[in-house]
Amino acid sequence: MVNKAVPDNKSRDSDYVFLSFIMNYLPIGLVGLLLAVIFSAAMSSTSGELNALATTTTIDFYKRLNKKEHSEQHYLIASKVLTAVWGVLAIMFAFFAAFSENLIELVNILGSIFYGTILGIFLIAFFLKRIKGKATFIGAILAQLFVIILHFFGQKIGTLIMGHEVQEIAYLWYNVIGCGLVVLFALIINPFDKKSIKL
């Protein structure tokens, strides 16, 4: 029915498995209850995410970069503004996700681009305590830039270097590459870091 109504539709049957099960096999009352549960869970996680992002941005960036002391009311207003900013960014991402063939795959790709770097930072914090904060921070930035370049231009760069077409790297490998590069770059930079900086 969808393909008949929208001939250019790129969705697959697997996208409608859950919806088909709900519509065809659940009693009418349970369908409404399930939809209410889904919306409640979505709103709860979204509000928690926006509040956490606004709070960390206010405390870790706005408050540290703005050295002047302000009232609690000022920081409350700043956090509300930042909540709106993060909300707009989330809406923009939702519009971008609408062009993707598979939302789950898109979320996994986006996560894989950033998770490896975060894991590398945690591994250094737990197991390589001699590496200082500045070296870790610079290593994480370099590793993240490398993974982003690898995702968008990796196949083109590989083809250019090798002289023949190379396969694209599976996105799950970004986790391993990002983590390894953070540790490697931090180990290389650490001897040149004379004193740790407060992050």
N, C-alpha and C. Protein backbone atom coordinates (compact mmCIF):
# COMPACT_ATOMS: atom_id res chain seq x y z
N MET A 1 0.83 -1.21 0.00
CA MET A 1 0.00 0.00 0.00
C MET A 1 0.87 1.26 0.00
N VAL A 2 1.95 1.23 0.78
CA VAL A 2 2.85 2.38 0.82
C VAL A 2 3.50 2.59 -0.53
N ASN A 3 3.99 1.52 -1.14
CA ASN A 3 4.65 1.63 -2.45
C ASN A 3 3.68 2.11 -3.53
N LYS A 4 2.41 1.74 -3.40
CA LYS A 4 1.42 2.19 -4.37
C LYS A 4 1.15 3.69 -4.21
N ALA A 5 1.08 4.13 -2.93
CA ALA A 5 0.81 5.55 -2.67
C ALA A 5 2.03 6.42 -2.95
N VAL A 6 3.22 5.90 -2.63
CA VAL A 6 4.47 6.66 -2.83
C VAL A 6 5.43 5.80 -3.66
N PRO A 7 5.40 5.94 -4.97
CA PRO A 7 6.23 5.07 -5.84
C PRO A 7 7.73 5.17 -5.56
N ASP A 8 8.19 6.35 -5.12
CA ASP A 8 9.63 6.54 -4.88
C ASP A 8 10.06 6.09 -3.47
N ASN A 9 9.16 5.45 -2.74
CA ASN A 9 9.47 5.05 -1.37
C ASN A 9 10.61 4.04 -1.33
N LYS A 10 11.59 4.25 -0.41
CA LYS A 10 12.76 3.38 -0.31
C LYS A 10 12.70 2.44 0.90
N SER A 11 11.60 2.44 1.63
CA SER A 11 11.51 1.62 2.84
C SER A 11 11.43 0.14 2.48
N ARG A 12 11.78 -0.69 3.46
CA ARG A 12 11.76 -2.14 3.26
C ARG A 12 10.68 -2.76 4.14
N ASP A 13 10.31 -4.00 3.82
CA ASP A 13 9.27 -4.68 4.60
C ASP A 13 9.66 -4.83 6.06
N SER A 14 10.96 -4.98 6.33
CA SER A 14 11.42 -5.18 7.70
C SER A 14 11.10 -3.97 8.59
N ASP A 15 10.93 -2.78 7.98
CA ASP A 15 10.61 -1.59 8.76
C ASP A 15 9.19 -1.63 9.33
N TYR A 16 8.34 -2.50 8.76
CA TYR A 16 6.94 -2.53 9.17
C TYR A 16 6.56 -3.78 9.96
N VAL A 17 7.54 -4.60 10.33
CA VAL A 17 7.25 -5.84 11.05
C VAL A 17 6.56 -5.55 12.38
N PHE A 18 7.12 -4.64 13.16
CA PHE A 18 6.56 -4.32 14.48
C PHE A 18 5.17 -3.71 14.34
N LEU A 19 5.01 -2.78 13.39
CA LEU A 19 3.70 -2.15 13.19
C LEU A 19 2.66 -3.16 12.74
N SER A 20 3.04 -4.07 11.85
CA SER A 20 2.11 -5.10 11.38
C SER A 20 1.67 -6.01 12.52
N PHE A 21 2.63 -6.38 13.38
CA PHE A 21 2.30 -7.23 14.53
C PHE A 21 1.30 -6.53 15.45
N ILE A 22 1.52 -5.24 15.71
CA ILE A 22 0.63 -4.49 16.60
C ILE A 22 -0.78 -4.41 16.01
N MET A 23 -0.87 -4.05 14.74
CA MET A 23 -2.17 -3.82 14.11
C MET A 23 -2.95 -5.12 13.90
N ASN A 24 -2.28 -6.22 13.67
CA ASN A 24 -2.97 -7.45 13.30
C ASN A 24 -3.18 -8.44 14.45
N TYR A 25 -2.35 -8.37 15.51
CA TYR A 25 -2.39 -9.42 16.53
C TYR A 25 -2.70 -8.92 17.94
N LEU A 26 -2.68 -7.63 18.18
CA LEU A 26 -2.97 -7.13 19.53
C LEU A 26 -4.41 -6.62 19.61
N PRO A 27 -5.05 -6.80 20.77
CA PRO A 27 -6.41 -6.24 20.96
C PRO A 27 -6.38 -4.72 20.87
N ILE A 28 -7.53 -4.13 20.52
CA ILE A 28 -7.61 -2.68 20.29
C ILE A 28 -7.15 -1.88 21.51
N GLY A 29 -7.58 -2.24 22.70
CA GLY A 29 -7.19 -1.52 23.91
C GLY A 29 -5.70 -1.52 24.15
N LEU A 30 -5.06 -2.67 23.89
CA LEU A 30 -3.61 -2.79 24.09
C LEU A 30 -2.82 -1.97 23.08
N VAL A 31 -3.39 -1.79 21.88
CA VAL A 31 -2.71 -0.98 20.86
C VAL A 31 -2.58 0.47 21.36
N GLY A 32 -3.65 1.02 21.88
CA GLY A 32 -3.61 2.39 22.42
C GLY A 32 -2.67 2.50 23.60
N LEU A 33 -2.70 1.50 24.49
CA LEU A 33 -1.82 1.51 25.65
C LEU A 33 -0.35 1.43 25.22
N LEU A 34 -0.08 0.57 24.24
CA LEU A 34 1.30 0.43 23.75
C LEU A 34 1.80 1.72 23.11
N LEU A 35 0.95 2.38 22.34
CA LEU A 35 1.33 3.66 21.73
C LEU A 35 1.61 4.72 22.80
N ALA A 36 0.78 4.72 23.85
CA ALA A 36 1.00 5.68 24.95
C ALA A 36 2.33 5.40 25.64
N VAL A 37 2.65 4.12 25.83
CA VAL A 37 3.93 3.74 26.46
C VAL A 37 5.11 4.17 25.60
N ILE A 38 4.99 3.96 24.27
CA ILE A 38 6.08 4.34 23.36
C ILE A 38 6.30 5.85 23.39
N PHE A 39 5.22 6.63 23.32
CA PHE A 39 5.35 8.09 23.37
C PHE A 39 5.90 8.56 24.71
N SER A 40 5.46 7.94 25.80
CA SER A 40 5.96 8.32 27.13
C SER A 40 7.45 8.05 27.25
N ALA A 41 7.87 6.88 26.79
CA ALA A 41 9.30 6.54 26.85
C ALA A 41 10.13 7.49 25.99
N ALA A 42 9.62 7.82 24.82
CA ALA A 42 10.34 8.74 23.92
C ALA A 42 10.47 10.12 24.55
N MET A 43 9.36 10.63 25.11
CA MET A 43 9.40 11.97 25.72
C MET A 43 10.29 11.99 26.95
N SER A 44 10.25 10.91 27.74
CA SER A 44 11.08 10.84 28.94
C SER A 44 12.56 10.85 28.61
N SER A 45 12.95 10.00 27.65
CA SER A 45 14.37 9.93 27.30
C SER A 45 14.84 11.21 26.62
N THR A 46 13.96 11.83 25.81
CA THR A 46 14.33 13.07 25.14
C THR A 46 14.52 14.21 26.13
N SER A 47 13.60 14.33 27.09
CA SER A 47 13.73 15.41 28.08
C SER A 47 14.96 15.21 28.96
N GLY A 48 15.23 13.95 29.33
CA GLY A 48 16.43 13.66 30.12
C GLY A 48 17.70 13.98 29.35
N GLU A 49 17.70 13.64 28.06
CA GLU A 49 18.86 13.91 27.20
C GLU A 49 19.10 15.41 27.06
N LEU A 50 18.03 16.17 26.79
CA LEU A 50 18.18 17.62 26.61
C LEU A 50 18.62 18.31 27.90
N ASN A 51 18.05 17.87 29.03
CA ASN A 51 18.46 18.46 30.32
C ASN A 51 19.92 18.15 30.64
N ALA A 52 20.33 16.91 30.38
CA ALA A 52 21.73 16.53 30.65
C ALA A 52 22.69 17.31 29.77
N LEU A 53 22.36 17.44 28.48
CA LEU A 53 23.22 18.18 27.56
C LEU A 53 23.32 19.65 27.96
N ALA A 54 22.17 20.25 28.30
CA ALA A 54 22.17 21.67 28.69
C ALA A 54 22.95 21.88 29.98
N THR A 55 22.79 20.97 30.95
CA THR A 55 23.49 21.11 32.22
C THR A 55 25.00 20.98 32.05
N THR A 56 25.43 19.95 31.33
CA THR A 56 26.88 19.77 31.14
C THR A 56 27.48 20.91 30.32
N THR A 57 26.74 21.41 29.33
CA THR A 57 27.24 22.54 28.53
C THR A 57 27.36 23.79 29.40
N THR A 58 26.36 24.02 30.26
CA THR A 58 26.39 25.20 31.14
C THR A 58 27.55 25.12 32.13
N ILE A 59 27.70 23.97 32.79
CA ILE A 59 28.71 23.82 33.84
C ILE A 59 30.11 23.69 33.26
N ASP A 60 30.27 22.80 32.28
CA ASP A 60 31.61 22.47 31.78
C ASP A 60 32.17 23.46 30.77
N PHE A 61 31.30 24.18 30.08
CA PHE A 61 31.79 25.11 29.05
C PHE A 61 31.46 26.57 29.37
N TYR A 62 30.16 26.86 29.50
CA TYR A 62 29.75 28.25 29.69
C TYR A 62 30.34 28.85 30.97
N LYS A 63 30.22 28.09 32.06
CA LYS A 63 30.68 28.60 33.36
C LYS A 63 32.20 28.73 33.40
N ARG A 64 32.91 27.80 32.76
CA ARG A 64 34.38 27.83 32.78
C ARG A 64 34.95 28.88 31.84
N LEU A 65 34.31 29.04 30.68
CA LEU A 65 34.81 30.01 29.72
C LEU A 65 34.46 31.45 30.13
N ASN A 66 33.33 31.59 30.80
CA ASN A 66 32.90 32.92 31.27
C ASN A 66 33.37 33.07 32.72
N LYS A 67 34.51 33.68 32.91
CA LYS A 67 35.14 33.76 34.25
C LYS A 67 34.37 34.65 35.23
N LYS A 68 33.58 35.58 34.70
CA LYS A 68 32.84 36.50 35.57
C LYS A 68 31.77 35.75 36.36
N GLU A 69 31.66 36.06 37.65
CA GLU A 69 30.66 35.41 38.51
C GLU A 69 29.27 35.96 38.21
N HIS A 70 28.30 35.07 38.09
CA HIS A 70 26.92 35.46 37.83
C HIS A 70 26.01 34.83 38.87
N SER A 71 24.78 35.31 38.90
CA SER A 71 23.79 34.77 39.85
C SER A 71 23.27 33.43 39.37
N GLU A 72 22.61 32.72 40.28
CA GLU A 72 22.02 31.42 39.92
C GLU A 72 20.93 31.61 38.86
N GLN A 73 20.21 32.73 38.94
CA GLN A 73 19.17 33.04 37.95
C GLN A 73 19.78 33.15 36.54
N HIS A 74 20.96 33.75 36.46
CA HIS A 74 21.64 33.89 35.16
C HIS A 74 21.97 32.52 34.58
N TYR A 75 22.50 31.61 35.41
CA TYR A 75 22.85 30.28 34.92
C TYR A 75 21.59 29.46 34.58
N LEU A 76 20.49 29.72 35.29
CA LEU A 76 19.23 29.04 34.98
C LEU A 76 18.74 29.45 33.59
N ILE A 77 18.79 30.75 33.31
CA ILE A 77 18.38 31.24 31.99
C ILE A 77 19.31 30.68 30.90
N ALA A 78 20.63 30.66 31.19
CA ALA A 78 21.59 30.12 30.23
C ALA A 78 21.30 28.65 29.93
N SER A 79 20.96 27.88 30.96
CA SER A 79 20.67 26.46 30.75
C SER A 79 19.39 26.27 29.93
N LYS A 80 18.41 27.17 30.12
CA LYS A 80 17.17 27.08 29.32
C LYS A 80 17.45 27.40 27.86
N VAL A 81 18.27 28.41 27.63
CA VAL A 81 18.65 28.76 26.25
C VAL A 81 19.40 27.60 25.59
N LEU A 82 20.33 27.00 26.35
CA LEU A 82 21.10 25.87 25.81
C LEU A 82 20.21 24.65 25.58
N THR A 83 19.18 24.48 26.40
CA THR A 83 18.22 23.39 26.17
C THR A 83 17.54 23.58 24.83
N ALA A 84 17.13 24.84 24.55
CA ALA A 84 16.49 25.14 23.26
C ALA A 84 17.46 24.90 22.09
N VAL A 85 18.73 25.28 22.27
CA VAL A 85 19.74 25.08 21.22
C VAL A 85 19.91 23.59 20.92
N TRP A 86 20.05 22.78 22.00
CA TRP A 86 20.20 21.34 21.80
C TRP A 86 18.93 20.74 21.19
N GLY A 87 17.76 21.30 21.55
CA GLY A 87 16.51 20.82 20.96
C GLY A 87 16.46 21.06 19.46
N VAL A 88 16.91 22.24 19.03
CA VAL A 88 16.96 22.56 17.59
C VAL A 88 17.93 21.61 16.88
N LEU A 89 19.09 21.35 17.50
CA LEU A 89 20.05 20.41 16.90
C LEU A 89 19.46 19.01 16.77
N ALA A 90 18.70 18.59 17.79
CA ALA A 90 18.06 17.27 17.75
C ALA A 90 17.02 17.20 16.62
N ILE A 91 16.26 18.29 16.44
CA ILE A 91 15.27 18.34 15.36
C ILE A 91 15.96 18.28 14.00
N MET A 92 17.08 19.00 13.87
CA MET A 92 17.84 18.97 12.62
C MET A 92 18.34 17.55 12.32
N PHE A 93 18.81 16.86 13.37
CA PHE A 93 19.26 15.48 13.18
C PHE A 93 18.09 14.59 12.77
N ALA A 94 16.89 14.83 13.35
CA ALA A 94 15.71 14.04 12.99
C ALA A 94 15.34 14.23 11.52
N PHE A 95 15.45 15.47 11.02
CA PHE A 95 15.20 15.72 9.60
C PHE A 95 16.23 15.00 8.73
N PHE A 96 17.49 15.02 9.17
CA PHE A 96 18.55 14.33 8.44
C PHE A 96 18.31 12.82 8.45
N ALA A 97 17.84 12.29 9.59
CA ALA A 97 17.60 10.85 9.72
C ALA A 97 16.46 10.38 8.81
N ALA A 98 15.55 11.30 8.47
CA ALA A 98 14.42 10.93 7.61
C ALA A 98 14.89 10.50 6.22
N PHE A 99 16.08 10.96 5.81
CA PHE A 99 16.61 10.59 4.49
C PHE A 99 17.35 9.26 4.52
N SER A 100 17.54 8.69 5.71
CA SER A 100 18.26 7.43 5.82
C SER A 100 17.34 6.26 5.54
N GLU A 101 17.90 5.19 4.97
CA GLU A 101 17.10 4.00 4.69
C GLU A 101 16.73 3.26 5.96
N ASN A 102 17.64 3.25 6.94
CA ASN A 102 17.40 2.48 8.15
C ASN A 102 17.86 3.30 9.35
N LEU A 103 16.93 3.65 10.22
CA LEU A 103 17.23 4.52 11.36
C LEU A 103 18.18 3.84 12.34
N ILE A 104 17.99 2.55 12.57
CA ILE A 104 18.85 1.82 13.52
C ILE A 104 20.29 1.83 13.03
N GLU A 105 20.48 1.61 11.73
CA GLU A 105 21.83 1.62 11.16
C GLU A 105 22.45 3.02 11.28
N LEU A 106 21.65 4.06 11.04
CA LEU A 106 22.15 5.43 11.13
C LEU A 106 22.62 5.74 12.55
N VAL A 107 21.82 5.34 13.56
CA VAL A 107 22.19 5.57 14.95
C VAL A 107 23.48 4.82 15.29
N ASN A 108 23.62 3.60 14.80
CA ASN A 108 24.84 2.82 15.06
C ASN A 108 26.06 3.43 14.39
N ILE A 109 25.89 3.97 13.18
CA ILE A 109 27.01 4.62 12.49
C ILE A 109 27.43 5.86 13.27
N LEU A 110 26.46 6.67 13.65
CA LEU A 110 26.77 7.90 14.40
C LEU A 110 27.45 7.57 15.72
N GLY A 111 26.93 6.55 16.42
CA GLY A 111 27.53 6.13 17.68
C GLY A 111 28.95 5.61 17.50
N SER A 112 29.16 4.81 16.45
CA SER A 112 30.49 4.23 16.21
C SER A 112 31.54 5.30 15.93
N ILE A 113 31.12 6.41 15.33
CA ILE A 113 32.06 7.49 15.03
C ILE A 113 32.61 8.10 16.32
N PHE A 114 31.79 8.18 17.37
CA PHE A 114 32.19 8.86 18.60
C PHE A 114 32.52 7.92 19.78
N TYR A 115 31.97 6.71 19.81
CA TYR A 115 32.14 5.83 20.97
C TYR A 115 33.58 5.40 21.19
N GLY A 116 34.32 5.17 20.11
CA GLY A 116 35.70 4.71 20.24
C GLY A 116 36.57 5.73 20.97
N THR A 117 36.38 7.00 20.62
CA THR A 117 37.15 8.07 21.28
C THR A 117 36.82 8.14 22.76
N ILE A 118 35.55 8.03 23.09
CA ILE A 118 35.13 8.08 24.50
C ILE A 118 35.71 6.89 25.27
N LEU A 119 35.65 5.71 24.64
CA LEU A 119 36.21 4.52 25.29
C LEU A 119 37.71 4.68 25.53
N GLY A 120 38.42 5.24 24.54
CA GLY A 120 39.86 5.47 24.70
C GLY A 120 40.17 6.37 25.88
N ILE A 121 39.38 7.44 26.06
CA ILE A 121 39.57 8.35 27.20
C ILE A 121 39.36 7.61 28.52
N PHE A 122 38.33 6.78 28.59
CA PHE A 122 38.06 6.02 29.82
C PHE A 122 39.17 5.01 30.10
N LEU A 123 39.67 4.35 29.07
CA LEU A 123 40.75 3.38 29.27
C LEU A 123 42.01 4.05 29.81
N ILE A 124 42.32 5.24 29.29
CA ILE A 124 43.48 5.99 29.79
C ILE A 124 43.25 6.38 31.25
N ALA A 125 42.04 6.84 31.58
CA ALA A 125 41.74 7.26 32.95
C ALA A 125 41.86 6.10 33.94
N PHE A 126 41.47 4.89 33.51
CA PHE A 126 41.47 3.75 34.43
C PHE A 126 42.81 3.01 34.48
N PHE A 127 43.48 2.87 33.34
CA PHE A 127 44.64 1.99 33.28
C PHE A 127 45.97 2.69 33.00
N LEU A 128 45.95 3.89 32.46
CA LEU A 128 47.19 4.59 32.13
C LEU A 128 47.22 5.95 32.83
N LYS A 129 47.24 5.91 34.14
CA LYS A 129 47.13 7.13 34.94
C LYS A 129 48.33 8.07 34.77
N ARG A 130 49.45 7.57 34.27
CA ARG A 130 50.62 8.42 34.09
C ARG A 130 50.43 9.39 32.93
N ILE A 131 49.47 9.09 32.03
CA ILE A 131 49.20 10.01 30.91
C ILE A 131 48.39 11.19 31.43
N LYS A 132 48.87 12.40 31.14
CA LYS A 132 48.24 13.60 31.68
C LYS A 132 47.03 14.03 30.87
N GLY A 133 46.28 14.95 31.47
CA GLY A 133 45.02 15.40 30.88
C GLY A 133 45.19 16.06 29.53
N LYS A 134 46.21 16.90 29.39
CA LYS A 134 46.41 17.63 28.14
C LYS A 134 46.72 16.67 26.99
N ALA A 135 47.58 15.69 27.25
CA ALA A 135 47.93 14.71 26.22
C ALA A 135 46.70 13.89 25.81
N THR A 136 45.88 13.52 26.80
CA THR A 136 44.66 12.76 26.53
C THR A 136 43.69 13.59 25.69
N PHE A 137 43.54 14.86 26.05
CA PHE A 137 42.63 15.75 25.35
C PHE A 137 43.06 15.93 23.88
N ILE A 138 44.33 16.21 23.66
CA ILE A 138 44.83 16.40 22.28
C ILE A 138 44.73 15.09 21.50
N GLY A 139 45.07 13.97 22.15
CA GLY A 139 44.95 12.66 21.51
C GLY A 139 43.53 12.35 21.10
N ALA A 140 42.58 12.70 21.96
CA ALA A 140 41.16 12.45 21.65
C ALA A 140 40.70 13.30 20.47
N ILE A 141 41.12 14.57 20.42
CA ILE A 141 40.75 15.45 19.30
C ILE A 141 41.31 14.92 17.99
N LEU A 142 42.59 14.53 18.00
CA LEU A 142 43.23 14.01 16.79
C LEU A 142 42.57 12.70 16.33
N ALA A 143 42.29 11.82 17.29
CA ALA A 143 41.66 10.54 16.96
C ALA A 143 40.26 10.75 16.38
N GLN A 144 39.51 11.68 16.98
CA GLN A 144 38.16 11.95 16.50
C GLN A 144 38.17 12.52 15.09
N LEU A 145 39.11 13.43 14.82
CA LEU A 145 39.24 13.99 13.48
C LEU A 145 39.60 12.90 12.46
N PHE A 146 40.49 12.00 12.87
CA PHE A 146 40.91 10.90 11.98
C PHE A 146 39.72 10.00 11.64
N VAL A 147 38.90 9.66 12.64
CA VAL A 147 37.75 8.78 12.42
C VAL A 147 36.71 9.46 11.52
N ILE A 148 36.48 10.75 11.73
CA ILE A 148 35.52 11.48 10.89
C ILE A 148 36.01 11.53 9.43
N ILE A 149 37.30 11.82 9.24
CA ILE A 149 37.87 11.83 7.88
C ILE A 149 37.79 10.44 7.26
N LEU A 150 38.07 9.41 8.07
CA LEU A 150 38.01 8.03 7.59
C LEU A 150 36.60 7.67 7.13
N HIS A 151 35.60 8.14 7.89
CA HIS A 151 34.21 7.82 7.54
C HIS A 151 33.79 8.48 6.22
N PHE A 152 34.11 9.75 6.06
CA PHE A 152 33.64 10.48 4.88
C PHE A 152 34.55 10.33 3.65
N PHE A 153 35.86 10.17 3.88
CA PHE A 153 36.79 10.16 2.75
C PHE A 153 37.71 8.94 2.72
N GLY A 154 37.50 7.98 3.63
CA GLY A 154 38.41 6.83 3.75
C GLY A 154 38.57 6.04 2.47
N GLN A 155 37.45 5.74 1.82
CA GLN A 155 37.51 4.93 0.60
C GLN A 155 38.22 5.68 -0.53
N LYS A 156 37.96 6.99 -0.65
CA LYS A 156 38.60 7.79 -1.70
C LYS A 156 40.10 7.89 -1.47
N ILE A 157 40.48 8.14 -0.20
CA ILE A 157 41.91 8.25 0.13
C ILE A 157 42.61 6.91 -0.10
N GLY A 158 41.97 5.81 0.33
CA GLY A 158 42.54 4.47 0.15
C GLY A 158 42.72 4.13 -1.32
N THR A 159 41.73 4.48 -2.14
CA THR A 159 41.81 4.23 -3.59
C THR A 159 42.93 5.05 -4.21
N LEU A 160 43.08 6.29 -3.75
CA LEU A 160 44.13 7.17 -4.27
C LEU A 160 45.52 6.63 -3.92
N ILE A 161 45.69 6.14 -2.69
CA ILE A 161 46.99 5.64 -2.23
C ILE A 161 47.32 4.30 -2.90
N MET A 162 46.34 3.40 -2.93
CA MET A 162 46.59 2.03 -3.43
C MET A 162 46.61 1.95 -4.96
N GLY A 163 45.98 2.92 -5.62
CA GLY A 163 45.95 2.89 -7.08
C GLY A 163 44.81 2.06 -7.65
N HIS A 164 44.04 1.39 -6.80
CA HIS A 164 42.86 0.64 -7.25
C HIS A 164 41.77 0.80 -6.18
N GLU A 165 40.55 0.48 -6.56
CA GLU A 165 39.43 0.70 -5.64
C GLU A 165 39.54 -0.22 -4.42
N VAL A 166 39.40 0.35 -3.24
CA VAL A 166 39.45 -0.43 -2.00
C VAL A 166 38.07 -0.47 -1.36
N GLN A 167 37.88 -1.48 -0.52
CA GLN A 167 36.59 -1.62 0.15
C GLN A 167 36.42 -0.57 1.24
N GLU A 168 35.17 -0.18 1.46
CA GLU A 168 34.87 0.76 2.54
C GLU A 168 34.98 0.03 3.88
N ILE A 169 35.52 0.70 4.89
CA ILE A 169 35.65 0.10 6.22
C ILE A 169 34.28 0.03 6.88
N ALA A 170 33.95 -1.14 7.44
CA ALA A 170 32.68 -1.28 8.14
C ALA A 170 32.65 -0.34 9.34
N TYR A 171 31.52 0.32 9.56
CA TYR A 171 31.45 1.36 10.58
C TYR A 171 31.72 0.87 12.00
N LEU A 172 31.49 -0.40 12.28
CA LEU A 172 31.76 -0.91 13.64
C LEU A 172 33.25 -0.88 13.98
N TRP A 173 34.11 -0.87 12.94
CA TRP A 173 35.55 -0.79 13.17
C TRP A 173 35.97 0.59 13.68
N TYR A 174 35.12 1.61 13.49
CA TYR A 174 35.46 2.95 13.98
C TYR A 174 35.65 2.95 15.50
N ASN A 175 34.92 2.08 16.20
CA ASN A 175 35.06 1.97 17.66
C ASN A 175 36.48 1.56 18.03
N VAL A 176 36.97 0.52 17.37
CA VAL A 176 38.31 -0.01 17.66
C VAL A 176 39.38 1.00 17.23
N ILE A 177 39.21 1.56 16.03
CA ILE A 177 40.19 2.52 15.51
C ILE A 177 40.26 3.76 16.39
N GLY A 178 39.11 4.32 16.74
CA GLY A 178 39.07 5.53 17.58
C GLY A 178 39.70 5.30 18.93
N CYS A 179 39.36 4.18 19.57
CA CYS A 179 39.91 3.87 20.89
C CYS A 179 41.43 3.70 20.83
N GLY A 180 41.89 2.91 19.86
CA GLY A 180 43.33 2.68 19.73
C GLY A 180 44.12 3.94 19.44
N LEU A 181 43.55 4.82 18.59
CA LEU A 181 44.24 6.05 18.23
C LEU A 181 44.33 7.03 19.40
N VAL A 182 43.28 7.09 20.23
CA VAL A 182 43.33 7.97 21.41
C VAL A 182 44.49 7.56 22.30
N VAL A 183 44.58 6.27 22.58
CA VAL A 183 45.66 5.76 23.45
C VAL A 183 47.02 5.99 22.81
N LEU A 184 47.13 5.69 21.50
CA LEU A 184 48.41 5.85 20.79
C LEU A 184 48.86 7.31 20.77
N PHE A 185 47.96 8.22 20.37
CA PHE A 185 48.32 9.64 20.31
C PHE A 185 48.66 10.19 21.68
N ALA A 186 47.90 9.78 22.70
CA ALA A 186 48.16 10.26 24.06
C ALA A 186 49.53 9.78 24.56
N LEU A 187 49.89 8.53 24.24
CA LEU A 187 51.20 8.01 24.64
C LEU A 187 52.34 8.76 23.94
N ILE A 188 52.12 9.13 22.67
CA ILE A 188 53.14 9.87 21.92
C ILE A 188 53.28 11.30 22.44
N ILE A 189 52.15 11.95 22.74
CA ILE A 189 52.16 13.36 23.15
C ILE A 189 52.59 13.53 24.61
N ASN A 190 52.30 12.55 25.45
CA ASN A 190 52.52 12.69 26.91
C ASN A 190 53.95 13.10 27.30
N PRO A 191 55.01 12.53 26.70
CA PRO A 191 56.37 12.96 27.10
C PRO A 191 56.64 14.45 26.87
N PHE A 192 55.92 15.06 25.93
CA PHE A 192 56.12 16.48 25.63
C PHE A 192 55.26 17.39 26.51
N ASP A 193 54.37 16.76 27.29
CA ASP A 193 53.48 17.54 28.16
C ASP A 193 54.17 17.74 29.51
N LYS A 194 54.68 18.90 29.74
CA LYS A 194 55.45 19.16 30.97
C LYS A 194 54.56 19.23 32.20
N LYS A 195 53.37 19.78 32.03
CA LYS A 195 52.45 19.83 33.18
C LYS A 195 51.02 19.63 32.69
N SER A 196 50.24 19.01 33.53
CA SER A 196 48.86 18.75 33.19
C SER A 196 48.03 20.01 33.30
N ILE A 197 47.03 20.14 32.42
CA ILE A 197 46.15 21.29 32.53
C ILE A 197 44.82 20.84 33.10
N LYS A 198 44.10 21.76 33.70
CA LYS A 198 42.77 21.43 34.23
C LYS A 198 41.77 21.50 33.11
N LEU A 199 41.02 20.39 32.92
CA LEU A 199 40.02 20.36 31.85
C LEU A 199 38.64 20.51 32.45
